[in-house]
Amino acid sequence: MLLQWSTPASLLTVSELLNLAPGLLGAGAVGMTSGPTGHDLVRLDGGRLATADGAAELAEVFQVRLFSPDVELRWAHTGSGRGPAVALSESGACPPGWAVDSVEVEEVLDGQYALWGRRFEALGAPGWCRAVEGRIGWIDVPAPTPASAGSDQDWPEQYLAMRFREYLTSDEYGNAAVLDERLIGIVVASAQFGGEDHR
């Protein structure tokens, strides 16, 4: 399997990146933005990024990471509102004029990280839920609302998980190494203990 990195010939603004994103990522892409005052989970809506409260604030964003099942698009601000971008894919997805670098990988590992929250609330914004954790507060997530646990349960019946794929290769000494990791999506997952699904 080939892992492909595609990069533009010059630095991009966030607006230029978002103009390319819908055609590259397709419908249903989500992601994260980072700025000096916080981090937001976002949904790609046409050429705009939205939070559960409306349009995402992008004036001071220094990092954007958007992903769909087939492609991840990354951008980092380096100065004067511009920065490098890269698209990771297995499918050969690449905007016109972007340079392509690819590597044959030996193996892929799919996995998921549990996301924050032991209780979940539906929001007025379709396709969003609020993950609540008593000790630290809440975060709005562009995902369906999982079933919450009753007050007599320690763990929720379901939780939110970030799906990812790691690409493995061997180094010069024959040791396995993770070449890169691509985010795939945010999904509702059922609680598992000891490898068993507990619904």
Protein backbone atom coordinates (compact mmCIF):
# COMPACT_ATOMS: atom_id res chain seq x y z
CA MET A 1 0.00 0.00 0.00
CA LEU A 2 1.18 3.51 -0.80
CA LEU A 3 0.96 6.44 1.59
CA GLN A 4 0.97 9.71 -0.29
CA TRP A 5 1.81 13.23 0.88
CA SER A 6 0.74 16.06 -1.43
CA THR A 7 2.02 19.61 -0.93
CA PRO A 8 1.35 22.91 -2.72
CA ALA A 9 4.15 24.79 -4.49
CA SER A 10 3.72 27.81 -2.21
CA LEU A 11 2.43 28.71 1.24
CA LEU A 12 -1.36 29.07 1.59
CA THR A 13 -3.72 31.21 3.64
CA VAL A 14 -6.50 29.52 5.61
CA SER A 15 -9.01 30.85 3.06
CA GLU A 16 -7.07 29.31 0.17
CA LEU A 17 -6.89 26.01 2.05
CA LEU A 18 -10.65 26.04 2.71
CA ASN A 19 -11.38 26.74 -0.97
CA LEU A 20 -9.61 23.45 -1.83
CA ALA A 21 -10.86 21.40 1.13
CA PRO A 22 -14.40 20.44 -0.02
CA GLY A 23 -13.18 18.97 -3.31
CA LEU A 24 -10.35 17.13 -1.60
CA LEU A 25 -12.09 15.86 1.54
CA GLY A 26 -15.65 15.41 0.31
CA ALA A 27 -18.83 15.69 2.39
CA GLY A 28 -18.84 15.11 6.14
CA ALA A 29 -15.28 16.23 6.89
CA VAL A 30 -14.54 17.33 10.45
CA GLY A 31 -11.44 18.58 12.18
CA MET A 32 -9.69 20.74 14.73
CA THR A 33 -8.40 24.30 14.82
CA SER A 34 -5.88 25.70 17.29
CA GLY A 35 -5.39 29.33 18.22
CA PRO A 36 -3.81 31.33 21.05
CA THR A 37 -7.01 31.31 23.11
CA GLY A 38 -8.17 27.75 22.57
CA HIS A 39 -8.93 24.77 20.38
CA ASP A 40 -12.17 24.01 18.56
CA LEU A 41 -13.65 20.95 16.94
CA VAL A 42 -15.14 21.97 13.60
CA ARG A 43 -17.18 20.68 10.69
CA LEU A 44 -16.39 21.58 7.06
CA ASP A 45 -19.49 23.15 5.52
CA GLY A 46 -18.77 23.98 1.89
CA GLY A 47 -15.68 26.20 2.03
CA ARG A 48 -16.31 27.31 5.64
CA LEU A 49 -15.53 25.84 9.04
CA ALA A 50 -18.35 25.77 11.57
CA THR A 51 -18.57 25.11 15.29
CA ALA A 52 -21.82 24.17 17.08
CA ASP A 53 -22.36 27.93 17.67
CA GLY A 54 -21.84 29.04 14.06
CA ALA A 55 -18.88 30.12 11.95
CA ALA A 56 -15.46 29.23 13.37
CA GLU A 57 -13.20 32.15 14.29
CA LEU A 58 -10.14 31.88 12.02
CA ALA A 59 -8.41 35.26 12.41
CA GLU A 60 -5.74 33.98 14.82
CA VAL A 61 -5.75 30.27 14.01
CA PHE A 62 -2.24 28.82 13.80
CA GLN A 63 -3.10 25.19 12.99
CA VAL A 64 -5.88 23.40 11.10
CA ARG A 65 -6.31 19.63 10.81
CA LEU A 66 -9.30 18.40 8.74
CA PHE A 67 -10.11 14.80 7.92
CA SER A 68 -12.53 12.44 6.22
CA PRO A 69 -12.34 8.65 5.77
CA ASP A 70 -9.98 8.94 2.78
CA VAL A 71 -7.91 12.12 3.23
CA GLU A 72 -6.42 14.25 6.00
CA LEU A 73 -5.51 17.88 5.30
CA ARG A 74 -3.09 19.75 7.59
CA TRP A 75 -2.04 23.41 7.69
CA ALA A 76 0.22 25.39 10.05
CA HIS A 77 0.68 29.18 10.15
CA THR A 78 4.31 30.22 9.76
CA GLY A 79 3.95 33.97 9.22
CA SER A 80 1.99 36.77 7.53
CA GLY A 81 -1.20 34.68 7.49
CA ARG A 82 0.35 31.93 5.35
CA GLY A 83 1.69 28.46 5.99
CA PRO A 84 2.51 25.06 4.48
CA ALA A 85 -0.18 22.48 3.82
CA VAL A 86 -0.09 18.73 3.25
CA ALA A 87 -2.73 16.20 2.23
CA LEU A 88 -2.27 12.57 3.36
CA SER A 89 -4.07 9.78 1.50
CA GLU A 90 -3.87 6.29 0.11
CA SER A 91 -6.13 7.13 -2.80
CA GLY A 92 -3.96 9.58 -4.70
CA ALA A 93 -6.20 12.54 -3.84
CA CYS A 94 -4.25 15.64 -4.80
CA PRO A 95 -5.23 19.17 -5.86
CA PRO A 96 -3.94 20.20 -9.30
CA GLY A 97 -0.38 21.51 -9.20
CA TRP A 98 0.54 19.98 -5.83
CA ALA A 99 3.76 17.94 -5.61
CA VAL A 100 3.39 14.29 -4.62
CA ASP A 101 5.70 12.14 -2.51
CA SER A 102 4.77 8.55 -1.74
CA VAL A 103 6.16 5.63 0.25
CA GLU A 104 5.30 1.93 0.18
CA VAL A 105 4.21 0.95 3.69
CA GLU A 106 4.56 -2.55 5.10
CA GLU A 107 1.48 -2.61 7.30
CA VAL A 108 -1.35 -0.42 8.55
CA LEU A 109 -2.89 -0.46 12.01
CA ASP A 110 -6.36 0.93 12.59
CA GLY A 111 -7.32 2.08 16.05
CA GLN A 112 -9.23 4.64 18.05
CA TYR A 113 -8.69 7.02 20.94
CA ALA A 114 -11.49 7.52 23.47
CA LEU A 115 -12.55 11.17 23.53
CA TRP A 116 -13.49 13.26 26.49
CA GLY A 117 -16.87 12.92 28.22
CA ARG A 118 -18.86 10.56 30.42
CA ARG A 119 -22.21 12.21 29.71
CA PHE A 120 -23.54 13.49 26.40
CA GLU A 121 -26.19 16.04 25.52
CA ALA A 122 -27.83 16.65 22.16
CA LEU A 123 -27.47 20.22 20.91
CA GLY A 124 -29.80 22.33 18.79
CA ALA A 125 -27.23 22.23 15.97
CA PRO A 126 -27.82 19.06 13.89
CA GLY A 127 -24.88 16.64 13.87
CA TRP A 128 -23.37 18.02 17.10
CA CYS A 129 -23.35 16.85 20.71
CA ARG A 130 -21.87 18.13 23.96
CA ALA A 131 -19.45 15.83 25.81
CA VAL A 132 -19.55 16.64 29.52
CA GLU A 133 -17.01 15.70 32.16
CA GLY A 134 -17.75 16.94 35.69
CA ARG A 135 -14.15 17.61 36.66
CA ILE A 136 -13.22 19.66 33.62
CA GLY A 137 -16.32 20.95 31.88
CA TRP A 138 -17.61 20.29 28.36
CA ILE A 139 -16.69 20.35 24.68
CA ASP A 140 -18.92 20.41 21.59
CA VAL A 141 -18.16 17.60 19.14
CA PRO A 142 -19.28 17.23 15.49
CA ALA A 143 -20.71 13.73 16.01
CA PRO A 144 -23.98 11.95 16.81
CA THR A 145 -25.01 11.90 20.47
CA PRO A 146 -23.96 8.65 22.24
CA ALA A 147 -26.22 7.00 24.80
CA SER A 148 -25.33 8.28 28.29
CA ALA A 149 -25.04 6.07 31.34
CA GLY A 150 -27.63 6.20 34.09
CA SER A 151 -26.68 7.62 37.47
CA ASP A 152 -26.05 4.12 38.88
CA GLN A 153 -23.36 3.29 36.29
CA ASP A 154 -19.69 4.21 36.47
CA TRP A 155 -19.16 4.10 32.69
CA PRO A 156 -21.31 5.31 29.82
CA GLU A 157 -22.90 2.72 27.53
CA GLN A 158 -21.31 4.51 24.60
CA TYR A 159 -18.59 7.08 24.10
CA LEU A 160 -17.02 9.10 21.30
CA ALA A 161 -13.83 7.85 19.68
CA MET A 162 -11.34 9.36 17.24
CA ARG A 163 -10.53 6.76 14.57
CA PHE A 164 -7.01 6.73 13.16
CA ARG A 165 -4.73 4.70 10.90
CA GLU A 166 -0.99 4.25 11.52
CA TYR A 167 1.38 3.44 8.65
CA LEU A 168 4.25 1.12 9.55
CA THR A 169 7.61 0.62 7.90
CA SER A 170 10.99 -0.75 8.95
CA ASP A 171 14.01 1.36 9.76
CA GLU A 172 17.56 0.57 8.59
CA TYR A 173 18.02 -1.86 11.51
CA GLY A 174 14.82 -3.81 10.84
CA ASN A 175 12.83 -2.23 13.67
CA ALA A 176 9.19 -1.41 13.06
CA ALA A 177 8.49 2.33 12.96
CA VAL A 178 5.35 4.43 12.58
CA LEU A 179 5.86 6.48 9.44
CA ASP A 180 2.76 8.64 9.93
CA GLU A 181 -0.73 8.64 11.41
CA ARG A 182 -3.86 9.77 9.59
CA LEU A 183 -7.08 10.75 11.37
CA ILE A 184 -10.18 9.17 9.81
CA GLY A 185 -13.24 10.32 11.77
CA ILE A 186 -15.13 10.71 15.03
CA VAL A 187 -17.52 7.84 15.76
CA VAL A 188 -19.85 6.57 18.47
CA ALA A 189 -18.31 3.46 20.07
CA SER A 190 -19.66 0.98 22.60
CA ALA A 191 -17.86 0.45 25.91
CA GLN A 192 -15.40 -2.43 25.89
CA PHE A 193 -13.75 -4.07 28.88
CA GLY A 194 -11.14 -6.78 28.41
CA GLY A 195 -11.66 -6.74 24.65
CA GLU A 196 -15.37 -7.54 24.88
CA ASP A 197 -18.17 -5.29 23.68
CA HIS A 198 -20.48 -4.38 26.60
CA ARG A 199 -23.68 -2.79 25.37
